[in-house]
Amino acid sequence: MAVAMKLSDSLVEDAKTVAAAEHRSVPKQIEYWARIGKAVLDNPDMPLQLILETMLSREESKAGQVVPYVFG
């Protein structure tokens, strides 16, 4: 569900710069930051890099880009 929100000019300007570098739209960049922030707040004992790698691996799994790990 899309919702119109009023955001500060400085946040939008920061998002424009990073969004261009990351090949995202400004709304998607802000959504990405919000998801990371929520994940960090929900998992305060986990390092940020582990959270980012977990988010990436979940998306890779959804896209079928995984191979079973064979022990031994």
PDB file of N, CA and C in Angstrom:
ATOM      1  N   MET A   1       0.846  -1.167   0.000  1.00  0.00           N
ATOM      2  CA  MET A   1       0.000   0.000   0.000  1.00  0.00           C
ATOM      3  C   MET A   1       0.895   1.235   0.000  1.00  0.00           C
ATOM      4  N   ALA A   2       0.727   2.085  -0.960  1.00  0.00           N
ATOM      5  CA  ALA A   2       1.495   3.326  -1.049  1.00  0.00           C
ATOM      6  C   ALA A   2       0.851   4.380  -0.154  1.00  0.00           C
ATOM      7  N   VAL A   3       1.706   5.126   0.536  1.00  0.00           N
ATOM      8  CA  VAL A   3       1.240   6.183   1.422  1.00  0.00           C
ATOM      9  C   VAL A   3       2.078   7.432   1.146  1.00  0.00           C
ATOM     10  N   ALA A   4       1.432   8.557   0.973  1.00  0.00           N
ATOM     11  CA  ALA A   4       2.156   9.815   0.799  1.00  0.00           C
ATOM     12  C   ALA A   4       2.683  10.270   2.145  1.00  0.00           C
ATOM     13  N   MET A   5       3.954  10.679   2.168  1.00  0.00           N
ATOM     14  CA  MET A   5       4.571  11.125   3.416  1.00  0.00           C
ATOM     15  C   MET A   5       5.341  12.409   3.170  1.00  0.00           C
ATOM     16  N   LYS A   6       5.404  13.231   4.183  1.00  0.00           N
ATOM     17  CA  LYS A   6       6.213  14.436   4.102  1.00  0.00           C
ATOM     18  C   LYS A   6       7.570  14.115   4.726  1.00  0.00           C
ATOM     19  N   LEU A   7       8.631  14.277   3.949  1.00  0.00           N
ATOM     20  CA  LEU A   7       9.984  13.985   4.409  1.00  0.00           C
ATOM     21  C   LEU A   7      10.819  15.262   4.350  1.00  0.00           C
ATOM     22  N   SER A   8      11.829  15.319   5.183  1.00  0.00           N
ATOM     23  CA  SER A   8      12.680  16.503   5.186  1.00  0.00           C
ATOM     24  C   SER A   8      13.464  16.587   3.884  1.00  0.00           C
ATOM     25  N   ASP A   9      13.747  17.814   3.475  1.00  0.00           N
ATOM     26  CA  ASP A   9      14.522  18.029   2.255  1.00  0.00           C
ATOM     27  C   ASP A   9      15.907  17.393   2.362  1.00  0.00           C
ATOM     28  N   SER A  10      16.507  17.455   3.544  1.00  0.00           N
ATOM     29  CA  SER A  10      17.853  16.902   3.704  1.00  0.00           C
ATOM     30  C   SER A  10      17.857  15.383   3.546  1.00  0.00           C
ATOM     31  N   LEU A  11      16.831  14.700   4.059  1.00  0.00           N
ATOM     32  CA  LEU A  11      16.750  13.246   3.891  1.00  0.00           C
ATOM     33  C   LEU A  11      16.597  12.890   2.420  1.00  0.00           C
ATOM     34  N   VAL A  12      15.743  13.604   1.723  1.00  0.00           N
ATOM     35  CA  VAL A  12      15.524  13.332   0.308  1.00  0.00           C
ATOM     36  C   VAL A  12      16.794  13.605  -0.497  1.00  0.00           C
ATOM     37  N   GLU A  13      17.503  14.674  -0.180  1.00  0.00           N
ATOM     38  CA  GLU A  13      18.753  14.976  -0.887  1.00  0.00           C
ATOM     39  C   GLU A  13      19.810  13.903  -0.625  1.00  0.00           C
ATOM     40  N   ASP A  14      19.914  13.445   0.619  1.00  0.00           N
ATOM     41  CA  ASP A  14      20.849  12.360   0.936  1.00  0.00           C
ATOM     42  C   ASP A  14      20.468  11.100   0.164  1.00  0.00           C
ATOM     43  N   ALA A  15      19.179  10.815   0.113  1.00  0.00           N
ATOM     44  CA  ALA A  15      18.697   9.619  -0.576  1.00  0.00           C
ATOM     45  C   ALA A  15      18.959   9.699  -2.079  1.00  0.00           C
ATOM     46  N   LYS A  16      18.840  10.887  -2.657  1.00  0.00           N
ATOM     47  CA  LYS A  16      19.098  11.041  -4.091  1.00  0.00           C
ATOM     48  C   LYS A  16      20.526  10.638  -4.436  1.00  0.00           C
ATOM     49  N   THR A  17      21.460  11.097  -3.636  1.00  0.00           N
ATOM     50  CA  THR A  17      22.871  10.804  -3.894  1.00  0.00           C
ATOM     51  C   THR A  17      23.153   9.319  -3.788  1.00  0.00           C
ATOM     52  N   VAL A  18      22.710   8.705  -2.696  1.00  0.00           N
ATOM     53  CA  VAL A  18      22.969   7.280  -2.487  1.00  0.00           C
ATOM     54  C   VAL A  18      22.175   6.441  -3.478  1.00  0.00           C
ATOM     55  N   ALA A  19      20.949   6.840  -3.768  1.00  0.00           N
ATOM     56  CA  ALA A  19      20.111   6.099  -4.719  1.00  0.00           C
ATOM     57  C   ALA A  19      20.769   6.046  -6.090  1.00  0.00           C
ATOM     58  N   ALA A  20      21.347   7.143  -6.522  1.00  0.00           N
ATOM     59  CA  ALA A  20      22.023   7.158  -7.823  1.00  0.00           C
ATOM     60  C   ALA A  20      23.208   6.199  -7.817  1.00  0.00           C
ATOM     61  N   ALA A  21      23.968   6.196  -6.741  1.00  0.00           N
ATOM     62  CA  ALA A  21      25.135   5.314  -6.645  1.00  0.00           C
ATOM     63  C   ALA A  21      24.732   3.848  -6.568  1.00  0.00           C
ATOM     64  N   GLU A  22      23.600   3.575  -5.947  1.00  0.00           N
ATOM     65  CA  GLU A  22      23.138   2.197  -5.727  1.00  0.00           C
ATOM     66  C   GLU A  22      22.135   1.735  -6.785  1.00  0.00           C
ATOM     67  N   HIS A  23      21.870   2.582  -7.789  1.00  0.00           N
ATOM     68  CA  HIS A  23      20.946   2.264  -8.880  1.00  0.00           C
ATOM     69  C   HIS A  23      19.538   1.941  -8.362  1.00  0.00           C
ATOM     70  N   ARG A  24      19.072   2.787  -7.430  1.00  0.00           N
ATOM     71  CA  ARG A  24      17.713   2.667  -6.891  1.00  0.00           C
ATOM     72  C   ARG A  24      16.989   3.985  -7.113  1.00  0.00           C
ATOM     73  N   SER A  25      15.664   3.938  -7.031  1.00  0.00           N
ATOM     74  CA  SER A  25      14.900   5.182  -7.021  1.00  0.00           C
ATOM     75  C   SER A  25      15.004   5.777  -5.618  1.00  0.00           C
ATOM     76  N   VAL A  26      14.687   7.053  -5.497  1.00  0.00           N
ATOM     77  CA  VAL A  26      14.736   7.700  -4.180  1.00  0.00           C
ATOM     78  C   VAL A  26      13.768   7.023  -3.207  1.00  0.00           C
ATOM     79  N   PRO A  27      12.514   6.748  -3.592  1.00  0.00           N
ATOM     80  CA  PRO A  27      11.620   6.055  -2.649  1.00  0.00           C
ATOM     81  C   PRO A  27      12.144   4.676  -2.238  1.00  0.00           C
ATOM     82  N   LYS A  28      12.719   3.934  -3.192  1.00  0.00           N
ATOM     83  CA  LYS A  28      13.254   2.608  -2.855  1.00  0.00           C
ATOM     84  C   LYS A  28      14.467   2.721  -1.938  1.00  0.00           C
ATOM     85  N   GLN A  29      15.276   3.773  -2.094  1.00  0.00           N
ATOM     86  CA  GLN A  29      16.427   3.967  -1.211  1.00  0.00           C
ATOM     87  C   GLN A  29      15.951   4.235   0.212  1.00  0.00           C
ATOM     88  N   ILE A  30      14.951   5.083   0.363  1.00  0.00           N
ATOM     89  CA  ILE A  30      14.425   5.391   1.693  1.00  0.00           C
ATOM     90  C   ILE A  30      13.779   4.146   2.299  1.00  0.00           C
ATOM     91  N   GLU A  31      13.074   3.371   1.484  1.00  0.00           N
ATOM     92  CA  GLU A  31      12.483   2.117   1.966  1.00  0.00           C
ATOM     93  C   GLU A  31      13.582   1.155   2.425  1.00  0.00           C
ATOM     94  N   TYR A  32      14.676   1.072   1.670  1.00  0.00           N
ATOM     95  CA  TYR A  32      15.811   0.213   2.037  1.00  0.00           C
ATOM     96  C   TYR A  32      16.384   0.634   3.388  1.00  0.00           C
ATOM     97  N   TRP A  33      16.608   1.943   3.552  1.00  0.00           N
ATOM     98  CA  TRP A  33      17.116   2.435   4.836  1.00  0.00           C
ATOM     99  C   TRP A  33      16.161   2.095   5.977  1.00  0.00           C
ATOM    100  N   ALA A  34      14.868   2.216   5.732  1.00  0.00           N
ATOM    101  CA  ALA A  34      13.881   1.911   6.774  1.00  0.00           C
ATOM    102  C   ALA A  34      13.919   0.429   7.141  1.00  0.00           C
ATOM    103  N   ARG A  35      14.055  -0.437   6.144  1.00  0.00           N
ATOM    104  CA  ARG A  35      14.122  -1.885   6.428  1.00  0.00           C
ATOM    105  C   ARG A  35      15.371  -2.232   7.235  1.00  0.00           C
ATOM    106  N   ILE A  36      16.499  -1.628   6.876  1.00  0.00           N
ATOM    107  CA  ILE A  36      17.727  -1.871   7.632  1.00  0.00           C
ATOM    108  C   ILE A  36      17.569  -1.366   9.062  1.00  0.00           C
ATOM    109  N   GLY A  37      17.035  -0.175   9.211  1.00  0.00           N
ATOM    110  CA  GLY A  37      16.835   0.385  10.551  1.00  0.00           C
ATOM    111  C   GLY A  37      15.934  -0.496  11.398  1.00  0.00           C
ATOM    112  N   LYS A  38      14.862  -1.005  10.816  1.00  0.00           N
ATOM    113  CA  LYS A  38      13.956  -1.894  11.552  1.00  0.00           C
ATOM    114  C   LYS A  38      14.667  -3.175  11.941  1.00  0.00           C
ATOM    115  N   ALA A  39      15.443  -3.745  11.011  1.00  0.00           N
ATOM    116  CA  ALA A  39      16.172  -4.981  11.306  1.00  0.00           C
ATOM    117  C   ALA A  39      17.186  -4.771  12.422  1.00  0.00           C
ATOM    118  N   VAL A  40      17.855  -3.638  12.410  1.00  0.00           N
ATOM    119  CA  VAL A  40      18.835  -3.340  13.467  1.00  0.00           C
ATOM    120  C   VAL A  40      18.131  -3.197  14.816  1.00  0.00           C
ATOM    121  N   LEU A  41      17.011  -2.500  14.839  1.00  0.00           N
ATOM    122  CA  LEU A  41      16.268  -2.338  16.095  1.00  0.00           C
ATOM    123  C   LEU A  41      15.700  -3.663  16.594  1.00  0.00           C
ATOM    124  N   ASP A  42      15.267  -4.530  15.661  1.00  0.00           N
ATOM    125  CA  ASP A  42      14.725  -5.832  16.037  1.00  0.00           C
ATOM    126  C   ASP A  42      15.805  -6.816  16.490  1.00  0.00           C
ATOM    127  N   ASN A  43      17.059  -6.558  16.113  1.00  0.00           N
ATOM    128  CA  ASN A  43      18.177  -7.471  16.411  1.00  0.00           C
ATOM    129  C   ASN A  43      19.373  -6.686  16.946  1.00  0.00           C
ATOM    130  N   PRO A  44      19.243  -6.090  18.109  1.00  0.00           N
ATOM    131  CA  PRO A  44      20.299  -5.188  18.600  1.00  0.00           C
ATOM    132  C   PRO A  44      21.638  -5.875  18.874  1.00  0.00           C
ATOM    133  N   ASP A  45      21.657  -7.184  19.044  1.00  0.00           N
ATOM    134  CA  ASP A  45      22.912  -7.877  19.336  1.00  0.00           C
ATOM    135  C   ASP A  45      23.630  -8.364  18.081  1.00  0.00           C
ATOM    136  N   MET A  46      23.021  -8.179  16.917  1.00  0.00           N
ATOM    137  CA  MET A  46      23.641  -8.648  15.674  1.00  0.00           C
ATOM    138  C   MET A  46      24.419  -7.521  15.012  1.00  0.00           C
ATOM    139  N   PRO A  47      25.610  -7.833  14.490  1.00  0.00           N
ATOM    140  CA  PRO A  47      26.359  -6.806  13.751  1.00  0.00           C
ATOM    141  C   PRO A  47      25.619  -6.425  12.466  1.00  0.00           C
ATOM    142  N   LEU A  48      25.768  -5.176  12.066  1.00  0.00           N
ATOM    143  CA  LEU A  48      25.093  -4.685  10.863  1.00  0.00           C
ATOM    144  C   LEU A  48      25.434  -5.535   9.646  1.00  0.00           C
ATOM    145  N   GLN A  49      26.705  -5.901   9.482  1.00  0.00           N
ATOM    146  CA  GLN A  49      27.092  -6.682   8.299  1.00  0.00           C
ATOM    147  C   GLN A  49      26.365  -8.023   8.244  1.00  0.00           C
ATOM    148  N   LEU A  50      26.166  -8.660   9.390  1.00  0.00           N
ATOM    149  CA  LEU A  50      25.433  -9.926   9.423  1.00  0.00           C
ATOM    150  C   LEU A  50      23.977  -9.715   9.019  1.00  0.00           C
ATOM    151  N   ILE A  51      23.389  -8.623   9.468  1.00  0.00           N
ATOM    152  CA  ILE A  51      22.004  -8.304   9.098  1.00  0.00           C
ATOM    153  C   ILE A  51      21.906  -8.088   7.590  1.00  0.00           C
ATOM    154  N   LEU A  52      22.844  -7.327   7.014  1.00  0.00           N
ATOM    155  CA  LEU A  52      22.833  -7.071   5.576  1.00  0.00           C
ATOM    156  C   LEU A  52      23.005  -8.359   4.777  1.00  0.00           C
ATOM    157  N   GLU A  53      23.921  -9.213   5.209  1.00  0.00           N
ATOM    158  CA  GLU A  53      24.144 -10.476   4.513  1.00  0.00           C
ATOM    159  C   GLU A  53      22.940 -11.402   4.632  1.00  0.00           C
ATOM    160  N   THR A  54      22.265 -11.372   5.769  1.00  0.00           N
ATOM    161  CA  THR A  54      21.058 -12.179   5.954  1.00  0.00           C
ATOM    162  C   THR A  54      19.945 -11.686   5.036  1.00  0.00           C
ATOM    163  N   MET A  55      19.778 -10.370   4.943  1.00  0.00           N
ATOM    164  CA  MET A  55      18.758  -9.811   4.050  1.00  0.00           C
ATOM    165  C   MET A  55      19.053 -10.204   2.600  1.00  0.00           C
ATOM    166  N   LEU A  56      20.308 -10.138   2.196  1.00  0.00           N
ATOM    167  CA  LEU A  56      20.690 -10.515   0.841  1.00  0.00           C
ATOM    168  C   LEU A  56      20.440 -12.000   0.587  1.00  0.00           C
ATOM    169  N   SER A  57      20.814 -12.836   1.537  1.00  0.00           N
ATOM    170  CA  SER A  57      20.642 -14.278   1.337  1.00  0.00           C
ATOM    171  C   SER A  57      19.165 -14.659   1.255  1.00  0.00           C
ATOM    172  N   ARG A  58      18.307 -13.977   2.005  1.00  0.00           N
ATOM    173  CA  ARG A  58      16.868 -14.251   1.906  1.00  0.00           C
ATOM    174  C   ARG A  58      16.341 -13.920   0.514  1.00  0.00           C
ATOM    175  N   GLU A  59      16.794 -12.807  -0.050  1.00  0.00           N
ATOM    176  CA  GLU A  59      16.352 -12.429  -1.393  1.00  0.00           C
ATOM    177  C   GLU A  59      16.911 -13.379  -2.440  1.00  0.00           C
ATOM    178  N   GLU A  60      18.151 -13.818  -2.266  1.00  0.00           N
ATOM    179  CA  GLU A  60      18.729 -14.798  -3.191  1.00  0.00           C
ATOM    180  C   GLU A  60      17.943 -16.104  -3.145  1.00  0.00           C
ATOM    181  N   SER A  61      17.537 -16.511  -1.963  1.00  0.00           N
ATOM    182  CA  SER A  61      16.755 -17.738  -1.813  1.00  0.00           C
ATOM    183  C   SER A  61      15.398 -17.611  -2.506  1.00  0.00           C
ATOM    184  N   LYS A  62      14.742 -16.472  -2.327  1.00  0.00           N
ATOM    185  CA  LYS A  62      13.452 -16.236  -2.987  1.00  0.00           C
ATOM    186  C   LYS A  62      13.580 -16.279  -4.506  1.00  0.00           C
ATOM    187  N   ALA A  63      14.740 -15.828  -5.004  1.00  0.00           N
ATOM    188  CA  ALA A  63      14.970 -15.775  -6.450  1.00  0.00           C
ATOM    189  C   ALA A  63      15.485 -17.116  -6.990  1.00  0.00           C
ATOM    190  N   GLY A  64      15.655 -18.105  -6.108  1.00  0.00           N
ATOM    191  CA  GLY A  64      16.123 -19.412  -6.557  1.00  0.00           C
ATOM    192  C   GLY A  64      17.603 -19.455  -6.857  1.00  0.00           C
ATOM    193  N   GLN A  65      18.356 -18.527  -6.300  1.00  0.00           N
ATOM    194  CA  GLN A  65      19.795 -18.447  -6.565  1.00  0.00           C
ATOM    195  C   GLN A  65      20.611 -19.106  -5.462  1.00  0.00           C
ATOM    196  N   VAL A  66      20.209 -20.287  -5.081  1.00  0.00           N
ATOM    197  CA  VAL A  66      20.920 -21.007  -4.017  1.00  0.00           C
ATOM    198  C   VAL A  66      21.286 -22.406  -4.491  1.00  0.00           C
ATOM    199  N   VAL A  67      22.340 -22.920  -3.916  1.00  0.00           N
ATOM    200  CA  VAL A  67      22.736 -24.313  -4.167  1.00  0.00           C
ATOM    201  C   VAL A  67      22.875 -25.004  -2.817  1.00  0.00           C
ATOM    202  N   PRO A  68      22.442 -26.233  -2.710  1.00  0.00           N
ATOM    203  CA  PRO A  68      22.567 -26.935  -1.437  1.00  0.00           C
ATOM    204  C   PRO A  68      24.033 -27.069  -1.028  1.00  0.00           C
ATOM    205  N   TYR A  69      24.273 -26.928   0.254  1.00  0.00           N
ATOM    206  CA  TYR A  69      25.625 -27.125   0.786  1.00  0.00           C
ATOM    207  C   TYR A  69      25.806 -28.609   1.083  1.00  0.00           C
ATOM    208  N   VAL A  70      26.908 -29.163   0.624  1.00  0.00           N
ATOM    209  CA  VAL A  70      27.212 -30.564   0.848  1.00  0.00           C
ATOM    210  C   VAL A  70      28.318 -30.655   1.902  1.00  0.00           C
ATOM    211  N   PHE A  71      28.025 -31.286   3.035  1.00  0.00           N
ATOM    212  CA  PHE A  71      29.010 -31.425   4.093  1.00  0.00           C
ATOM    213  C   PHE A  71      30.000 -32.532   3.712  1.00  0.00           C
ATOM    214  N   GLY A  72      31.262 -32.325   4.065  1.00  0.00           N
ATOM    215  CA  GLY A  72      32.275 -33.364   3.909  1.00  0.00           C
ATOM    216  C   GLY A  72      32.929 -33.340   2.654  1.00  0.00           C
TER     217      GLY A  72
END
